[in-house]
């Protein structure tokens, strides 16, 4: 909680883009580490879409591959792997900065 407050403070004063950090996050009961690289990934600290969890549970009932077109920085990836860690995930993303982060 203290680290989250510090990271929010760094963003508030406009210097978060000068840091690379790792933040421990828990989502849908699954814990993982989120890299925050020069501010990219900051939004992952606040994922909480219950509707997305419900939709992913329906979409992942069974075997298959999840195709994420326009993957951005992996918001859907984090939520998908929290719902179904075994689901195969394929991302398509044209933005080089997002691909670097992914």
C-alpha atoms as a PDB file:
ATOM      1  CA  UNK A   1       0.000   0.000   0.000  1.00  0.00           C
ATOM      2  CA  UNK A   2       2.857   2.383   0.812  1.00  0.00           C
ATOM      3  CA  UNK A   3       4.531   1.670  -2.537  1.00  0.00           C
ATOM      4  CA  UNK A   4       1.258   2.366  -4.369  1.00  0.00           C
ATOM      5  CA  UNK A   5       1.000   5.721  -2.570  1.00  0.00           C
ATOM      6  CA  UNK A   6       4.594   6.579  -3.459  1.00  0.00           C
ATOM      7  CA  UNK A   7       4.049   5.669  -7.113  1.00  0.00           C
ATOM      8  CA  UNK A   8       0.864   7.771  -7.221  1.00  0.00           C
ATOM      9  CA  UNK A   9       2.809  10.664  -5.673  1.00  0.00           C
ATOM     10  CA  UNK A  10       5.573  10.377  -8.276  1.00  0.00           C
ATOM     11  CA  UNK A  11       2.932  10.515 -11.027  1.00  0.00           C
ATOM     12  CA  UNK A  12       1.160  13.448  -9.365  1.00  0.00           C
ATOM     13  CA  UNK A  13       4.321  15.567  -9.233  1.00  0.00           C
ATOM     14  CA  UNK A  14       5.200  14.589 -12.806  1.00  0.00           C
ATOM     15  CA  UNK A  15       8.380  12.573 -12.343  1.00  0.00           C
ATOM     16  CA  UNK A  16       7.163   8.964 -12.620  1.00  0.00           C
ATOM     17  CA  UNK A  17       8.577   8.833 -16.161  1.00  0.00           C
ATOM     18  CA  UNK A  18      12.083   9.026 -14.643  1.00  0.00           C
ATOM     19  CA  UNK A  19      11.709   5.696 -12.828  1.00  0.00           C
ATOM     20  CA  UNK A  20      11.507   1.997 -13.606  1.00  0.00           C
ATOM     21  CA  UNK A  21       9.702   0.098 -10.856  1.00  0.00           C
ATOM     22  CA  UNK A  22       8.161  -3.285 -10.110  1.00  0.00           C
ATOM     23  CA  UNK A  23       4.802  -3.324  -8.313  1.00  0.00           C
ATOM     24  CA  UNK A  24       3.248  -6.450  -6.777  1.00  0.00           C
ATOM     25  CA  UNK A  25      -0.427  -6.650  -7.769  1.00  0.00           C
ATOM     26  CA  UNK A  26      -3.242  -9.051  -6.992  1.00  0.00           C
ATOM     27  CA  UNK A  27      -6.087  -9.386  -9.469  1.00  0.00           C
ATOM     28  CA  UNK A  28      -9.024 -11.810  -9.145  1.00  0.00           C
ATOM     29  CA  UNK A  29      -7.017 -13.547  -6.408  1.00  0.00           C
ATOM     30  CA  UNK A  30      -3.920 -14.042  -8.599  1.00  0.00           C
ATOM     31  CA  UNK A  31      -0.727 -12.226  -7.622  1.00  0.00           C
ATOM     32  CA  UNK A  32       1.821 -10.993 -10.162  1.00  0.00           C
ATOM     33  CA  UNK A  33       4.496  -8.346 -10.617  1.00  0.00           C
ATOM     34  CA  UNK A  34       3.817  -5.334 -12.808  1.00  0.00           C
ATOM     35  CA  UNK A  35       6.733  -3.476 -14.359  1.00  0.00           C
ATOM     36  CA  UNK A  36       6.303   0.281 -14.552  1.00  0.00           C
ATOM     37  CA  UNK A  37       8.791   1.460 -17.149  1.00  0.00           C
ATOM     38  CA  UNK A  38       9.002   5.226 -17.505  1.00  0.00           C
ATOM     39  CA  UNK A  39       5.309   5.496 -16.564  1.00  0.00           C
ATOM     40  CA  UNK A  40       4.157   2.760 -18.978  1.00  0.00           C
ATOM     41  CA  UNK A  41       2.249   0.170 -16.953  1.00  0.00           C
ATOM     42  CA  UNK A  42       1.012   2.591 -14.299  1.00  0.00           C
ATOM     43  CA  UNK A  43      -2.597   1.968 -15.327  1.00  0.00           C
ATOM     44  CA  UNK A  44      -2.223  -1.755 -14.528  1.00  0.00           C
ATOM     45  CA  UNK A  45      -2.237  -0.834 -10.845  1.00  0.00           C
ATOM     46  CA  UNK A  46      -5.922   0.075 -11.111  1.00  0.00           C
ATOM     47  CA  UNK A  47      -7.498  -2.758 -13.140  1.00  0.00           C
ATOM     48  CA  UNK A  48     -10.804  -3.743 -11.565  1.00  0.00           C
ATOM     49  CA  UNK A  49     -13.384  -4.465 -14.242  1.00  0.00           C
ATOM     50  CA  UNK A  50     -15.774  -7.094 -12.882  1.00  0.00           C
ATOM     51  CA  UNK A  51     -17.612  -7.196 -16.225  1.00  0.00           C
ATOM     52  CA  UNK A  52     -14.314  -8.110 -17.919  1.00  0.00           C
ATOM     53  CA  UNK A  53     -13.789 -11.033 -15.552  1.00  0.00           C
ATOM     54  CA  UNK A  54     -17.275 -12.336 -16.276  1.00  0.00           C
ATOM     55  CA  UNK A  55     -16.781 -11.950 -20.031  1.00  0.00           C
ATOM     56  CA  UNK A  56     -13.395 -13.707 -19.960  1.00  0.00           C
ATOM     57  CA  UNK A  57     -14.843 -16.590 -17.956  1.00  0.00           C
ATOM     58  CA  UNK A  58     -17.410 -17.137 -20.711  1.00  0.00           C
ATOM     59  CA  UNK A  59     -14.893 -16.720 -23.542  1.00  0.00           C
ATOM     60  CA  UNK A  60     -12.326 -19.066 -22.016  1.00  0.00           C
ATOM     61  CA  UNK A  61     -14.592 -21.986 -21.188  1.00  0.00           C
ATOM     62  CA  UNK A  62     -12.746 -24.668 -23.133  1.00  0.00           C
ATOM     63  CA  UNK A  63      -9.521 -25.052 -25.079  1.00  0.00           C
ATOM     64  CA  UNK A  64      -8.366 -22.512 -27.574  1.00  0.00           C
ATOM     65  CA  UNK A  65      -6.280 -19.461 -28.272  1.00  0.00           C
ATOM     66  CA  UNK A  66      -7.145 -15.940 -27.184  1.00  0.00           C
ATOM     67  CA  UNK A  67      -6.304 -13.449 -29.957  1.00  0.00           C
ATOM     68  CA  UNK A  68      -5.890  -9.880 -28.721  1.00  0.00           C
ATOM     69  CA  UNK A  69      -5.828  -7.460 -31.666  1.00  0.00           C
ATOM     70  CA  UNK A  70      -4.628  -4.078 -30.448  1.00  0.00           C
ATOM     71  CA  UNK A  71      -3.104  -5.480 -27.266  1.00  0.00           C
ATOM     72  CA  UNK A  72      -1.767  -2.094 -26.145  1.00  0.00           C
ATOM     73  CA  UNK A  73       0.245  -2.698 -22.945  1.00  0.00           C
ATOM     74  CA  UNK A  74      -1.466  -5.915 -21.894  1.00  0.00           C
ATOM     75  CA  UNK A  75      -4.490  -4.927 -19.818  1.00  0.00           C
ATOM     76  CA  UNK A  76      -6.487  -7.816 -21.255  1.00  0.00           C
ATOM     77  CA  UNK A  77      -3.504 -10.173 -20.943  1.00  0.00           C
ATOM     78  CA  UNK A  78      -3.274  -9.593 -17.185  1.00  0.00           C
ATOM     79  CA  UNK A  79      -6.977 -10.139 -16.671  1.00  0.00           C
ATOM     80  CA  UNK A  80      -7.089 -13.180 -18.957  1.00  0.00           C
ATOM     81  CA  UNK A  81      -4.197 -14.907 -17.186  1.00  0.00           C
ATOM     82  CA  UNK A  82      -5.812 -14.161 -13.809  1.00  0.00           C
ATOM     83  CA  UNK A  83      -9.016 -15.889 -14.988  1.00  0.00           C
ATOM     84  CA  UNK A  84      -7.383 -18.746 -16.934  1.00  0.00           C
ATOM     85  CA  UNK A  85      -3.582 -19.084 -16.545  1.00  0.00           C
ATOM     86  CA  UNK A  86      -3.461 -21.977 -19.040  1.00  0.00           C
ATOM     87  CA  UNK A  87      -5.142 -20.123 -21.925  1.00  0.00           C
ATOM     88  CA  UNK A  88      -2.848 -19.544 -24.910  1.00  0.00           C
ATOM     89  CA  UNK A  89      -2.554 -15.838 -25.678  1.00  0.00           C
ATOM     90  CA  UNK A  90      -1.519 -14.203 -28.965  1.00  0.00           C
ATOM     91  CA  UNK A  91      -1.118 -10.424 -29.146  1.00  0.00           C
ATOM     92  CA  UNK A  92      -1.093  -8.157 -32.175  1.00  0.00           C
ATOM     93  CA  UNK A  93       0.103  -4.615 -31.494  1.00  0.00           C
ATOM     94  CA  UNK A  94       1.566  -2.112 -34.010  1.00  0.00           C
ATOM     95  CA  UNK A  95       2.917   0.451 -31.517  1.00  0.00           C
ATOM     96  CA  UNK A  96       6.632  -0.253 -30.843  1.00  0.00           C
ATOM     97  CA  UNK A  97       6.506   1.235 -27.324  1.00  0.00           C
ATOM     98  CA  UNK A  98       3.617  -1.070 -26.413  1.00  0.00           C
ATOM     99  CA  UNK A  99       5.345  -4.074 -27.971  1.00  0.00           C
ATOM    100  CA  UNK A 100       8.469  -3.292 -25.908  1.00  0.00           C
ATOM    101  CA  UNK A 101       6.407  -3.215 -22.729  1.00  0.00           C
ATOM    102  CA  UNK A 102       4.497  -6.401 -23.597  1.00  0.00           C
END
